[in-house]
Amino acid sequence: MRSLALCALLASGVWGCSGDQEIENPSPLSASVPIEYPLDLWDQGIEGSSILKVRVTALGGVDSVVIMESSGYDAFDSSAVRGARTLRFSPARQGDKRIEVWAHVPVHFSKKPRP
């Protein structure tokens, strides 16, 4: 059985509308990760990381994904982008208002079991 260890599906860098009130970062709604390890890279024992920038909508969905740092493998990057589009978040907030923000999402493809 193949498993996928992904780290920090937390929004680590957030950009939203500027204002006087602090921005509360979005947070993932589920601990399960909808990103698949490409089978051919798994079979070859290849590991890698991609860093994505995702736009989290005011409703908590993802409507845009940009690769900030490539893993060097198209299959990893494509899988990360596909999976990131299905992520759901508790939306970012500024005061009582839900806001749209960009957030960094690191994706680590590793054969090592998650701690």
PDB file of N, CA and C in Angstrom:
ATOM      1  N   MET A   1       0.839  -1.184   0.000  1.00  0.00           N
ATOM      2  CA  MET A   1       0.000   0.000   0.000  1.00  0.00           C
ATOM      3  C   MET A   1       0.881   1.244   0.000  1.00  0.00           C
ATOM      4  N   ARG A   2       0.623   2.158  -0.890  1.00  0.00           N
ATOM      5  CA  ARG A   2       1.415   3.379  -0.882  1.00  0.00           C
ATOM      6  C   ARG A   2       0.748   4.412   0.015  1.00  0.00           C
ATOM      7  N   SER A   3       1.573   5.123   0.708  1.00  0.00           N
ATOM      8  CA  SER A   3       1.065   6.202   1.532  1.00  0.00           C
ATOM      9  C   SER A   3       1.804   7.468   1.150  1.00  0.00           C
ATOM     10  N   LEU A   4       1.251   8.579   1.500  1.00  0.00           N
ATOM     11  CA  LEU A   4       1.831   9.859   1.132  1.00  0.00           C
ATOM     12  C   LEU A   4       1.995  10.695   2.382  1.00  0.00           C
ATOM     13  N   ALA A   5       3.196  11.113   2.617  1.00  0.00           N
ATOM     14  CA  ALA A   5       3.441  11.992   3.753  1.00  0.00           C
ATOM     15  C   ALA A   5       3.535  13.414   3.242  1.00  0.00           C
ATOM     16  N   LEU A   6       2.596  14.225   3.643  1.00  0.00           N
ATOM     17  CA  LEU A   6       2.600  15.639   3.276  1.00  0.00           C
ATOM     18  C   LEU A   6       2.712  16.444   4.556  1.00  0.00           C
ATOM     19  N   CYS A   7       3.490  17.494   4.504  1.00  0.00           N
ATOM     20  CA  CYS A   7       3.671  18.325   5.680  1.00  0.00           C
ATOM     21  C   CYS A   7       2.977  19.657   5.510  1.00  0.00           C
ATOM     22  N   ALA A   8       2.526  20.176   6.591  1.00  0.00           N
ATOM     23  CA  ALA A   8       2.095  21.562   6.732  1.00  0.00           C
ATOM     24  C   ALA A   8       1.119  22.022   5.669  1.00  0.00           C
ATOM     25  N   LEU A   9      -0.032  21.427   5.670  1.00  0.00           N
ATOM     26  CA  LEU A   9      -1.060  21.952   4.792  1.00  0.00           C
ATOM     27  C   LEU A   9      -1.701  23.160   5.452  1.00  0.00           C
ATOM     28  N   LEU A  10      -0.897  23.867   6.179  1.00  0.00           N
ATOM     29  CA  LEU A  10      -1.345  25.093   6.802  1.00  0.00           C
ATOM     30  C   LEU A  10      -0.934  26.248   5.924  1.00  0.00           C
ATOM     31  N   ALA A  11      -1.682  27.270   5.983  1.00  0.00           N
ATOM     32  CA  ALA A  11      -1.316  28.458   5.236  1.00  0.00           C
ATOM     33  C   ALA A  11      -0.167  29.129   5.974  1.00  0.00           C
ATOM     34  N   SER A  12       1.010  29.067   5.393  1.00  0.00           N
ATOM     35  CA  SER A  12       2.177  29.593   6.076  1.00  0.00           C
ATOM     36  C   SER A  12       2.510  31.019   5.668  1.00  0.00           C
ATOM     37  N   GLY A  13       2.069  31.433   4.539  1.00  0.00           N
ATOM     38  CA  GLY A  13       2.256  32.818   4.118  1.00  0.00           C
ATOM     39  C   GLY A  13       0.938  33.292   3.563  1.00  0.00           C
ATOM     40  N   VAL A  14       0.405  34.389   4.079  1.00  0.00           N
ATOM     41  CA  VAL A  14      -0.923  34.823   3.683  1.00  0.00           C
ATOM     42  C   VAL A  14      -0.874  36.271   3.219  1.00  0.00           C
ATOM     43  N   TRP A  15      -1.536  36.520   2.102  1.00  0.00           N
ATOM     44  CA  TRP A  15      -1.674  37.882   1.599  1.00  0.00           C
ATOM     45  C   TRP A  15      -3.142  38.136   1.354  1.00  0.00           C
ATOM     46  N   GLY A  16      -3.663  39.183   1.938  1.00  0.00           N
ATOM     47  CA  GLY A  16      -5.064  39.530   1.725  1.00  0.00           C
ATOM     48  C   GLY A  16      -5.197  41.025   1.592  1.00  0.00           C
ATOM     49  N   CYS A  17      -6.402  41.484   1.770  1.00  0.00           N
ATOM     50  CA  CYS A  17      -6.654  42.920   1.700  1.00  0.00           C
ATOM     51  C   CYS A  17      -5.988  43.596   2.885  1.00  0.00           C
ATOM     52  N   SER A  18      -5.386  44.737   2.633  1.00  0.00           N
ATOM     53  CA  SER A  18      -4.757  45.441   3.741  1.00  0.00           C
ATOM     54  C   SER A  18      -5.831  46.148   4.547  1.00  0.00           C
ATOM     55  N   GLY A  19      -5.526  46.392   5.786  1.00  0.00           N
ATOM     56  CA  GLY A  19      -6.451  47.068   6.673  1.00  0.00           C
ATOM     57  C   GLY A  19      -5.854  47.148   8.049  1.00  0.00           C
ATOM     58  N   ASP A  20      -6.573  47.766   8.936  1.00  0.00           N
ATOM     59  CA  ASP A  20      -6.074  47.946  10.292  1.00  0.00           C
ATOM     60  C   ASP A  20      -6.191  46.677  11.128  1.00  0.00           C
ATOM     61  N   GLN A  21      -7.148  45.816  10.803  1.00  0.00           N
ATOM     62  CA  GLN A  21      -7.358  44.625  11.601  1.00  0.00           C
ATOM     63  C   GLN A  21      -6.449  43.490  11.136  1.00  0.00           C
ATOM     64  N   GLU A  22      -6.006  42.695  12.091  1.00  0.00           N
ATOM     65  CA  GLU A  22      -5.159  41.555  11.792  1.00  0.00           C
ATOM     66  C   GLU A  22      -5.946  40.508  11.009  1.00  0.00           C
ATOM     67  N   ILE A  23      -5.236  39.815  10.121  1.00  0.00           N
ATOM     68  CA  ILE A  23      -5.869  38.760   9.323  1.00  0.00           C
ATOM     69  C   ILE A  23      -5.694  37.425  10.030  1.00  0.00           C
ATOM     70  N   GLU A  24      -6.805  36.727  10.247  1.00  0.00           N
ATOM     71  CA  GLU A  24      -6.775  35.365  10.793  1.00  0.00           C
ATOM     72  C   GLU A  24      -6.605  34.422   9.612  1.00  0.00           C
ATOM     73  N   ASN A  25      -5.530  33.640   9.603  1.00  0.00           N
ATOM     74  CA  ASN A  25      -5.203  32.747   8.485  1.00  0.00           C
ATOM     75  C   ASN A  25      -6.272  31.682   8.264  1.00  0.00           C
ATOM     76  N   PRO A  26      -6.408  31.237   7.019  1.00  0.00           N
ATOM     77  CA  PRO A  26      -7.295  30.102   6.768  1.00  0.00           C
ATOM     78  C   PRO A  26      -6.674  28.835   7.340  1.00  0.00           C
ATOM     79  N   SER A  27      -7.504  27.859   7.642  1.00  0.00           N
ATOM     80  CA  SER A  27      -6.962  26.591   8.128  1.00  0.00           C
ATOM     81  C   SER A  27      -7.682  25.445   7.422  1.00  0.00           C
ATOM     82  N   PRO A  28      -6.948  24.349   7.160  1.00  0.00           N
ATOM     83  CA  PRO A  28      -7.546  23.208   6.454  1.00  0.00           C
ATOM     84  C   PRO A  28      -8.700  22.615   7.255  1.00  0.00           C
ATOM     85  N   LEU A  29      -9.760  22.195   6.573  1.00  0.00           N
ATOM     86  CA  LEU A  29     -10.914  21.609   7.248  1.00  0.00           C
ATOM     87  C   LEU A  29     -10.740  20.127   7.529  1.00  0.00           C
ATOM     88  N   SER A  30      -9.801  19.487   6.855  1.00  0.00           N
ATOM     89  CA  SER A  30      -9.632  18.050   7.016  1.00  0.00           C
ATOM     90  C   SER A  30      -8.158  17.701   7.147  1.00  0.00           C
ATOM     91  N   ALA A  31      -7.878  16.686   7.948  1.00  0.00           N
ATOM     92  CA  ALA A  31      -6.504  16.214   8.080  1.00  0.00           C
ATOM     93  C   ALA A  31      -6.139  15.287   6.917  1.00  0.00           C
ATOM     94  N   SER A  32      -7.152  14.779   6.210  1.00  0.00           N
ATOM     95  CA  SER A  32      -6.856  13.893   5.080  1.00  0.00           C
ATOM     96  C   SER A  32      -6.365  14.726   3.899  1.00  0.00           C
ATOM     97  N   VAL A  33      -5.473  14.143   3.130  1.00  0.00           N
ATOM     98  CA  VAL A  33      -4.810  14.866   2.051  1.00  0.00           C
ATOM     99  C   VAL A  33      -5.255  14.296   0.708  1.00  0.00           C
ATOM    100  N   PRO A  34      -5.861  15.130  -0.149  1.00  0.00           N
ATOM    101  CA  PRO A  34      -6.365  14.640  -1.435  1.00  0.00           C
ATOM    102  C   PRO A  34      -5.317  14.661  -2.551  1.00  0.00           C
ATOM    103  N   ILE A  35      -4.040  14.497  -2.179  1.00  0.00           N
ATOM    104  CA  ILE A  35      -2.973  14.562  -3.178  1.00  0.00           C
ATOM    105  C   ILE A  35      -2.364  13.173  -3.322  1.00  0.00           C
ATOM    106  N   GLU A  36      -2.336  12.674  -4.545  1.00  0.00           N
ATOM    107  CA  GLU A  36      -1.839  11.317  -4.788  1.00  0.00           C
ATOM    108  C   GLU A  36      -0.370  11.323  -5.180  1.00  0.00           C
ATOM    109  N   TYR A  37       0.361  10.354  -4.632  1.00  0.00           N
ATOM    110  CA  TYR A  37       1.771  10.136  -4.981  1.00  0.00           C
ATOM    111  C   TYR A  37       1.780   9.471  -6.349  1.00  0.00           C
ATOM    112  N   PRO A  38       2.407  10.049  -7.362  1.00  0.00           N
ATOM    113  CA  PRO A  38       2.442   9.411  -8.684  1.00  0.00           C
ATOM    114  C   PRO A  38       3.077   8.016  -8.605  1.00  0.00           C
ATOM    115  N   LEU A  39       2.357   7.028  -9.094  1.00  0.00           N
ATOM    116  CA  LEU A  39       2.763   5.628  -8.966  1.00  0.00           C
ATOM    117  C   LEU A  39       4.136   5.348  -9.569  1.00  0.00           C
ATOM    118  N   ASP A  40       4.430   5.933 -10.738  1.00  0.00           N
ATOM    119  CA  ASP A  40       5.721   5.657 -11.368  1.00  0.00           C
ATOM    120  C   ASP A  40       6.880   6.194 -10.521  1.00  0.00           C
ATOM    121  N   LEU A  41       6.709   7.341  -9.880  1.00  0.00           N
ATOM    122  CA  LEU A  41       7.766   7.889  -9.018  1.00  0.00           C
ATOM    123  C   LEU A  41       7.860   7.093  -7.711  1.00  0.00           C
ATOM    124  N   TRP A  42       6.717   6.627  -7.215  1.00  0.00           N
ATOM    125  CA  TRP A  42       6.704   5.776  -6.020  1.00  0.00           C
ATOM    126  C   TRP A  42       7.513   4.499  -6.283  1.00  0.00           C
ATOM    127  N   ASP A  43       7.251   3.869  -7.426  1.00  0.00           N
ATOM    128  CA  ASP A  43       7.924   2.616  -7.773  1.00  0.00           C
ATOM    129  C   ASP A  43       9.435   2.800  -7.925  1.00  0.00           C
ATOM    130  N   GLN A  44       9.861   3.988  -8.346  1.00  0.00           N
ATOM    131  CA  GLN A  44      11.284   4.280  -8.510  1.00  0.00           C
ATOM    132  C   GLN A  44      11.933   4.777  -7.215  1.00  0.00           C
ATOM    133  N   GLY A  45      11.136   4.957  -6.158  1.00  0.00           N
ATOM    134  CA  GLY A  45      11.672   5.428  -4.888  1.00  0.00           C
ATOM    135  C   GLY A  45      12.036   6.908  -4.887  1.00  0.00           C
ATOM    136  N   ILE A  46      11.466   7.665  -5.798  1.00  0.00           N
ATOM    137  CA  ILE A  46      11.780   9.094  -5.909  1.00  0.00           C
ATOM    138  C   ILE A  46      10.892   9.890  -4.963  1.00  0.00           C
ATOM    139  N   GLU A  47      11.501  10.833  -4.256  1.00  0.00           N
ATOM    140  CA  GLU A  47      10.783  11.720  -3.351  1.00  0.00           C
ATOM    141  C   GLU A  47      11.013  13.158  -3.805  1.00  0.00           C
ATOM    142  N   GLY A  48      10.168  14.069  -3.370  1.00  0.00           N
ATOM    143  CA  GLY A  48      10.343  15.470  -3.741  1.00  0.00           C
ATOM    144  C   GLY A  48       9.346  16.371  -3.055  1.00  0.00           C
ATOM    145  N   SER A  49       9.512  17.667  -3.265  1.00  0.00           N
ATOM    146  CA  SER A  49       8.639  18.670  -2.653  1.00  0.00           C
ATOM    147  C   SER A  49       8.288  19.749  -3.664  1.00  0.00           C
ATOM    148  N   SER A  50       7.070  20.207  -3.573  1.00  0.00           N
ATOM    149  CA  SER A  50       6.597  21.336  -4.365  1.00  0.00           C
ATOM    150  C   SER A  50       6.048  22.362  -3.380  1.00  0.00           C
ATOM    151  N   ILE A  51       6.238  23.631  -3.686  1.00  0.00           N
ATOM    152  CA  ILE A  51       5.614  24.668  -2.870  1.00  0.00           C
ATOM    153  C   ILE A  51       4.626  25.399  -3.753  1.00  0.00           C
ATOM    154  N   LEU A  52       3.385  25.419  -3.298  1.00  0.00           N
ATOM    155  CA  LEU A  52       2.305  26.021  -4.052  1.00  0.00           C
ATOM    156  C   LEU A  52       1.844  27.310  -3.392  1.00  0.00           C
ATOM    157  N   LYS A  53       1.277  28.186  -4.193  1.00  0.00           N
ATOM    158  CA  LYS A  53       0.555  29.347  -3.683  1.00  0.00           C
ATOM    159  C   LYS A  53      -0.880  29.142  -4.131  1.00  0.00           C
ATOM    160  N   VAL A  54      -1.806  29.102  -3.165  1.00  0.00           N
ATOM    161  CA  VAL A  54      -3.212  28.876  -3.478  1.00  0.00           C
ATOM    162  C   VAL A  54      -4.029  30.088  -3.051  1.00  0.00           C
ATOM    163  N   ARG A  55      -5.050  30.380  -3.846  1.00  0.00           N
ATOM    164  CA  ARG A  55      -5.956  31.462  -3.456  1.00  0.00           C
ATOM    165  C   ARG A  55      -7.170  30.830  -2.797  1.00  0.00           C
ATOM    166  N   VAL A  56      -7.316  31.109  -1.502  1.00  0.00           N
ATOM    167  CA  VAL A  56      -8.432  30.589  -0.719  1.00  0.00           C
ATOM    168  C   VAL A  56      -9.540  31.632  -0.777  1.00  0.00           C
ATOM    169  N   THR A  57     -10.709  31.216  -1.261  1.00  0.00           N
ATOM    170  CA  THR A  57     -11.829  32.139  -1.408  1.00  0.00           C
ATOM    171  C   THR A  57     -12.445  32.474  -0.054  1.00  0.00           C
ATOM    172  N   ALA A  58     -13.318  33.443  -0.066  1.00  0.00           N
ATOM    173  CA  ALA A  58     -14.026  33.843   1.159  1.00  0.00           C
ATOM    174  C   ALA A  58     -14.954  32.734   1.656  1.00  0.00           C
ATOM    175  N   LEU A  59     -15.218  31.738   0.813  1.00  0.00           N
ATOM    176  CA  LEU A  59     -16.038  30.594   1.224  1.00  0.00           C
ATOM    177  C   LEU A  59     -15.191  29.389   1.624  1.00  0.00           C
ATOM    178  N   GLY A  60     -13.848  29.493   1.477  1.00  0.00           N
ATOM    179  CA  GLY A  60     -12.958  28.422   1.901  1.00  0.00           C
ATOM    180  C   GLY A  60     -12.518  27.468   0.819  1.00  0.00           C
ATOM    181  N   GLY A  61     -12.946  27.682  -0.415  1.00  0.00           N
ATOM    182  CA  GLY A  61     -12.501  26.851  -1.522  1.00  0.00           C
ATOM    183  C   GLY A  61     -11.203  27.397  -2.108  1.00  0.00           C
ATOM    184  N   VAL A  62     -10.632  26.650  -3.025  1.00  0.00           N
ATOM    185  CA  VAL A  62      -9.415  27.081  -3.715  1.00  0.00           C
ATOM    186  C   VAL A  62      -9.796  27.346  -5.159  1.00  0.00           C
ATOM    187  N   ASP A  63      -9.544  28.594  -5.634  1.00  0.00           N
ATOM    188  CA  ASP A  63      -9.909  28.879  -7.024  1.00  0.00           C
ATOM    189  C   ASP A  63      -8.707  29.097  -7.931  1.00  0.00           C
ATOM    190  N   SER A  64      -7.507  29.187  -7.360  1.00  0.00           N
ATOM    191  CA  SER A  64      -6.304  29.340  -8.175  1.00  0.00           C
ATOM    192  C   SER A  64      -5.131  28.671  -7.476  1.00  0.00           C
ATOM    193  N   VAL A  65      -4.249  28.066  -8.270  1.00  0.00           N
ATOM    194  CA  VAL A  65      -3.052  27.422  -7.731  1.00  0.00           C
ATOM    195  C   VAL A  65      -1.877  27.799  -8.623  1.00  0.00           C
ATOM    196  N   VAL A  66      -0.777  28.213  -8.006  1.00  0.00           N
ATOM    197  CA  VAL A  66       0.439  28.569  -8.723  1.00  0.00           C
ATOM    198  C   VAL A  66       1.590  27.781  -8.103  1.00  0.00           C
ATOM    199  N   ILE A  67       2.465  27.217  -8.933  1.00  0.00           N
ATOM    200  CA  ILE A  67       3.653  26.529  -8.423  1.00  0.00           C
ATOM    201  C   ILE A  67       4.713  27.590  -8.129  1.00  0.00           C
ATOM    202  N   MET A  68       5.076  27.728  -6.860  1.00  0.00           N
ATOM    203  CA  MET A  68       6.103  28.696  -6.458  1.00  0.00           C
ATOM    204  C   MET A  68       7.493  28.074  -6.592  1.00  0.00           C
ATOM    205  N   GLU A  69       7.609  26.807  -6.173  1.00  0.00           N
ATOM    206  CA  GLU A  69       8.871  26.066  -6.296  1.00  0.00           C
ATOM    207  C   GLU A  69       8.557  24.676  -6.804  1.00  0.00           C
ATOM    208  N   SER A  70       9.131  24.339  -7.924  1.00  0.00           N
ATOM    209  CA  SER A  70       8.910  23.028  -8.524  1.00  0.00           C
ATOM    210  C   SER A  70       9.735  21.966  -7.805  1.00  0.00           C
ATOM    211  N   SER A  71       9.207  20.755  -7.793  1.00  0.00           N
ATOM    212  CA  SER A  71       9.928  19.609  -7.250  1.00  0.00           C
ATOM    213  C   SER A  71      11.019  19.150  -8.222  1.00  0.00           C
ATOM    214  N   GLY A  72      10.907  19.592  -9.465  1.00  0.00           N
ATOM    215  CA  GLY A  72      11.805  19.110 -10.514  1.00  0.00           C
ATOM    216  C   GLY A  72      11.206  17.944 -11.283  1.00  0.00           C
ATOM    217  N   TYR A  73      10.024  17.496 -10.874  1.00  0.00           N
ATOM    218  CA  TYR A  73       9.324  16.391 -11.526  1.00  0.00           C
ATOM    219  C   TYR A  73       7.919  16.858 -11.894  1.00  0.00           C
ATOM    220  N   ASP A  74       7.604  16.836 -13.184  1.00  0.00           N
ATOM    221  CA  ASP A  74       6.278  17.267 -13.631  1.00  0.00           C
ATOM    222  C   ASP A  74       5.163  16.476 -12.959  1.00  0.00           C
ATOM    223  N   ALA A  75       5.380  15.181 -12.744  1.00  0.00           N
ATOM    224  CA  ALA A  75       4.338  14.341 -12.149  1.00  0.00           C
ATOM    225  C   ALA A  75       4.027  14.785 -10.717  1.00  0.00           C
ATOM    226  N   PHE A  76       5.048  15.132  -9.924  1.00  0.00           N
ATOM    227  CA  PHE A  76       4.801  15.628  -8.562  1.00  0.00           C
ATOM    228  C   PHE A  76       4.057  16.956  -8.612  1.00  0.00           C
ATOM    229  N   ASP A  77       4.559  17.875  -9.442  1.00  0.00           N
ATOM    230  CA  ASP A  77       3.946  19.204  -9.512  1.00  0.00           C
ATOM    231  C   ASP A  77       2.492  19.118  -9.972  1.00  0.00           C
ATOM    232  N   SER A  78       2.224  18.318 -10.990  1.00  0.00           N
ATOM    233  CA  SER A  78       0.852  18.172 -11.504  1.00  0.00           C
ATOM    234  C   SER A  78      -0.069  17.566 -10.453  1.00  0.00           C
ATOM    235  N   SER A  79       0.414  16.549  -9.759  1.00  0.00           N
ATOM    236  CA  SER A  79      -0.392  15.915  -8.719  1.00  0.00           C
ATOM    237  C   SER A  79      -0.677  16.887  -7.578  1.00  0.00           C
ATOM    238  N   ALA A  80       0.320  17.669  -7.204  1.00  0.00           N
ATOM    239  CA  ALA A  80       0.146  18.654  -6.132  1.00  0.00           C
ATOM    240  C   ALA A  80      -0.895  19.701  -6.523  1.00  0.00           C
ATOM    241  N   VAL A  81      -0.821  20.197  -7.754  1.00  0.00           N
ATOM    242  CA  VAL A  81      -1.786  21.205  -8.221  1.00  0.00           C
ATOM    243  C   VAL A  81      -3.194  20.620  -8.267  1.00  0.00           C
ATOM    244  N   ARG A  82      -3.337  19.413  -8.827  1.00  0.00           N
ATOM    245  CA  ARG A  82      -4.660  18.763  -8.898  1.00  0.00           C
ATOM    246  C   ARG A  82      -5.264  18.605  -7.509  1.00  0.00           C
ATOM    247  N   GLY A  83      -4.470  18.097  -6.581  1.00  0.00           N
ATOM    248  CA  GLY A  83      -4.970  17.889  -5.224  1.00  0.00           C
ATOM    249  C   GLY A  83      -5.273  19.192  -4.507  1.00  0.00           C
ATOM    250  N   ALA A  84      -4.436  20.205  -4.702  1.00  0.00           N
ATOM    251  CA  ALA A  84      -4.640  21.493  -4.027  1.00  0.00           C
ATOM    252  C   ALA A  84      -5.955  22.140  -4.445  1.00  0.00           C
ATOM    253  N   ARG A  85      -6.367  21.911  -5.674  1.00  0.00           N
ATOM    254  CA  ARG A  85      -7.635  22.494  -6.146  1.00  0.00           C
ATOM    255  C   ARG A  85      -8.833  21.940  -5.380  1.00  0.00           C
ATOM    256  N   THR A  86      -8.686  20.766  -4.763  1.00  0.00           N
ATOM    257  CA  THR A  86      -9.800  20.150  -4.035  1.00  0.00           C
ATOM    258  C   THR A  86      -9.744  20.428  -2.530  1.00  0.00           C
ATOM    259  N   LEU A  87      -8.701  21.117  -2.060  1.00  0.00           N
ATOM    260  CA  LEU A  87      -8.601  21.421  -0.635  1.00  0.00           C
ATOM    261  C   LEU A  87      -9.729  22.357  -0.206  1.00  0.00           C
ATOM    262  N   ARG A  88     -10.146  22.212   1.041  1.00  0.00           N
ATOM    263  CA  ARG A  88     -11.159  23.093   1.622  1.00  0.00           C
ATOM    264  C   ARG A  88     -10.612  23.650   2.923  1.00  0.00           C
ATOM    265  N   PHE A  89     -10.860  24.937   3.139  1.00  0.00           N
ATOM    266  CA  PHE A  89     -10.348  25.634   4.302  1.00  0.00           C
ATOM    267  C   PHE A  89     -11.474  26.325   5.057  1.00  0.00           C
ATOM    268  N   SER A  90     -11.216  26.568   6.324  1.00  0.00           N
ATOM    269  CA  SER A  90     -12.016  27.534   7.051  1.00  0.00           C
ATOM    270  C   SER A  90     -11.456  28.862   6.540  1.00  0.00           C
ATOM    271  N   PRO A  91     -12.297  29.762   6.021  1.00  0.00           N
ATOM    272  CA  PRO A  91     -11.770  30.951   5.353  1.00  0.00           C
ATOM    273  C   PRO A  91     -10.996  31.885   6.278  1.00  0.00           C
ATOM    274  N   ALA A  92     -10.132  32.671   5.670  1.00  0.00           N
ATOM    275  CA  ALA A  92      -9.420  33.710   6.413  1.00  0.00           C
ATOM    276  C   ALA A  92     -10.442  34.770   6.829  1.00  0.00           C
ATOM    277  N   ARG A  93     -10.115  35.441   7.910  1.00  0.00           N
ATOM    278  CA  ARG A  93     -11.013  36.498   8.398  1.00  0.00           C
ATOM    279  C   ARG A  93     -10.220  37.736   8.745  1.00  0.00           C
ATOM    280  N   GLN A  94     -10.858  38.841   8.535  1.00  0.00           N
ATOM    281  CA  GLN A  94     -10.328  40.117   8.993  1.00  0.00           C
ATOM    282  C   GLN A  94     -11.463  40.741   9.785  1.00  0.00           C
ATOM    283  N   GLY A  95     -11.315  40.698  11.119  1.00  0.00           N
ATOM    284  CA  GLY A  95     -12.437  41.081  11.980  1.00  0.00           C
ATOM    285  C   GLY A  95     -13.524  40.035  11.834  1.00  0.00           C
ATOM    286  N   ASP A  96     -14.746  40.481  11.559  1.00  0.00           N
ATOM    287  CA  ASP A  96     -15.879  39.565  11.387  1.00  0.00           C
ATOM    288  C   ASP A  96     -16.107  39.180   9.928  1.00  0.00           C
ATOM    289  N   LYS A  97     -15.297  39.729   9.040  1.00  0.00           N
ATOM    290  CA  LYS A  97     -15.502  39.520   7.613  1.00  0.00           C
ATOM    291  C   LYS A  97     -14.600  38.414   7.063  1.00  0.00           C
ATOM    292  N   ARG A  98     -15.195  37.476   6.308  1.00  0.00           N
ATOM    293  CA  ARG A  98     -14.409  36.478   5.593  1.00  0.00           C
ATOM    294  C   ARG A  98     -13.757  37.165   4.404  1.00  0.00           C
ATOM    295  N   ILE A  99     -12.477  36.817   4.165  1.00  0.00           N
ATOM    296  CA  ILE A  99     -11.771  37.450   3.051  1.00  0.00           C
ATOM    297  C   ILE A  99     -11.043  36.406   2.208  1.00  0.00           C
ATOM    298  N   GLU A 100     -10.764  36.776   0.985  1.00  0.00           N
ATOM    299  CA  GLU A 100      -9.986  35.952   0.069  1.00  0.00           C
ATOM    300  C   GLU A 100      -8.505  36.260   0.295  1.00  0.00           C
ATOM    301  N   VAL A 101      -7.672  35.213   0.361  1.00  0.00           N
ATOM    302  CA  VAL A 101      -6.233  35.401   0.565  1.00  0.00           C
ATOM    303  C   VAL A 101      -5.454  34.395  -0.265  1.00  0.00           C
ATOM    304  N   TRP A 102      -4.182  34.719  -0.490  1.00  0.00           N
ATOM    305  CA  TRP A 102      -3.230  33.773  -1.073  1.00  0.00           C
ATOM    306  C   TRP A 102      -2.454  33.153   0.076  1.00  0.00           C
ATOM    307  N   ALA A 103      -2.209  31.847   0.006  1.00  0.00           N
ATOM    308  CA  ALA A 103      -1.478  31.147   1.058  1.00  0.00           C
ATOM    309  C   ALA A 103      -0.479  30.176   0.436  1.00  0.00           C
ATOM    310  N   HIS A 104       0.660  30.005   1.079  1.00  0.00           N
ATOM    311  CA  HIS A 104       1.658  29.014   0.646  1.00  0.00           C
ATOM    312  C   HIS A 104       1.282  27.654   1.209  1.00  0.00           C
ATOM    313  N   VAL A 105       1.367  26.636   0.372  1.00  0.00           N
ATOM    314  CA  VAL A 105       1.083  25.259   0.792  1.00  0.00           C
ATOM    315  C   VAL A 105       2.244  24.375   0.334  1.00  0.00           C
ATOM    316  N   PRO A 106       3.117  23.965   1.270  1.00  0.00           N
ATOM    317  CA  PRO A 106       4.187  23.041   0.895  1.00  0.00           C
ATOM    318  C   PRO A 106       3.639  21.613   0.788  1.00  0.00           C
ATOM    319  N   VAL A 107       4.064  20.892  -0.242  1.00  0.00           N
ATOM    320  CA  VAL A 107       3.632  19.504  -0.453  1.00  0.00           C
ATOM    321  C   VAL A 107       4.882  18.647  -0.540  1.00  0.00           C
ATOM    322  N   HIS A 108       5.007  17.678   0.376  1.00  0.00           N
ATOM    323  CA  HIS A 108       6.183  16.818   0.435  1.00  0.00           C
ATOM    324  C   HIS A 108       5.774  15.386   0.080  1.00  0.00           C
ATOM    325  N   PHE A 109       6.362  14.882  -0.989  1.00  0.00           N
ATOM    326  CA  PHE A 109       6.129  13.490  -1.399  1.00  0.00           C
ATOM    327  C   PHE A 109       7.258  12.656  -0.807  1.00  0.00           C
ATOM    328  N   SER A 110       6.895  11.802   0.145  1.00  0.00           N
ATOM    329  CA  SER A 110       7.893  10.989   0.828  1.00  0.00           C
ATOM    330  C   SER A 110       7.350   9.584   1.064  1.00  0.00           C
ATOM    331  N   LYS A 111       8.219   8.603   0.952  1.00  0.00           N
ATOM    332  CA  LYS A 111       7.825   7.216   1.218  1.00  0.00           C
ATOM    333  C   LYS A 111       7.927   6.877   2.702  1.00  0.00           C
ATOM    334  N   LYS A 112       8.531   7.774   3.471  1.00  0.00           N
ATOM    335  CA  LYS A 112       8.664   7.528   4.912  1.00  0.00           C
ATOM    336  C   LYS A 112       7.301   7.706   5.582  1.00  0.00           C
ATOM    337  N   PRO A 113       6.994   6.861   6.572  1.00  0.00           N
ATOM    338  CA  PRO A 113       5.714   7.007   7.273  1.00  0.00           C
ATOM    339  C   PRO A 113       5.646   8.346   8.005  1.00  0.00           C
ATOM    340  N   ARG A 114       4.429   8.878   8.089  1.00  0.00           N
ATOM    341  CA  ARG A 114       4.231  10.126   8.824  1.00  0.00           C
ATOM    342  C   ARG A 114       4.385   9.869  10.313  1.00  0.00           C
ATOM    343  N   PRO A 115       4.986  10.822  11.034  1.00  0.00           N
ATOM    344  CA  PRO A 115       5.169  10.639  12.493  1.00  0.00           C
ATOM    345  C   PRO A 115       3.853  10.661  13.230  1.00  0.00           C
TER     346      PRO A 115
END
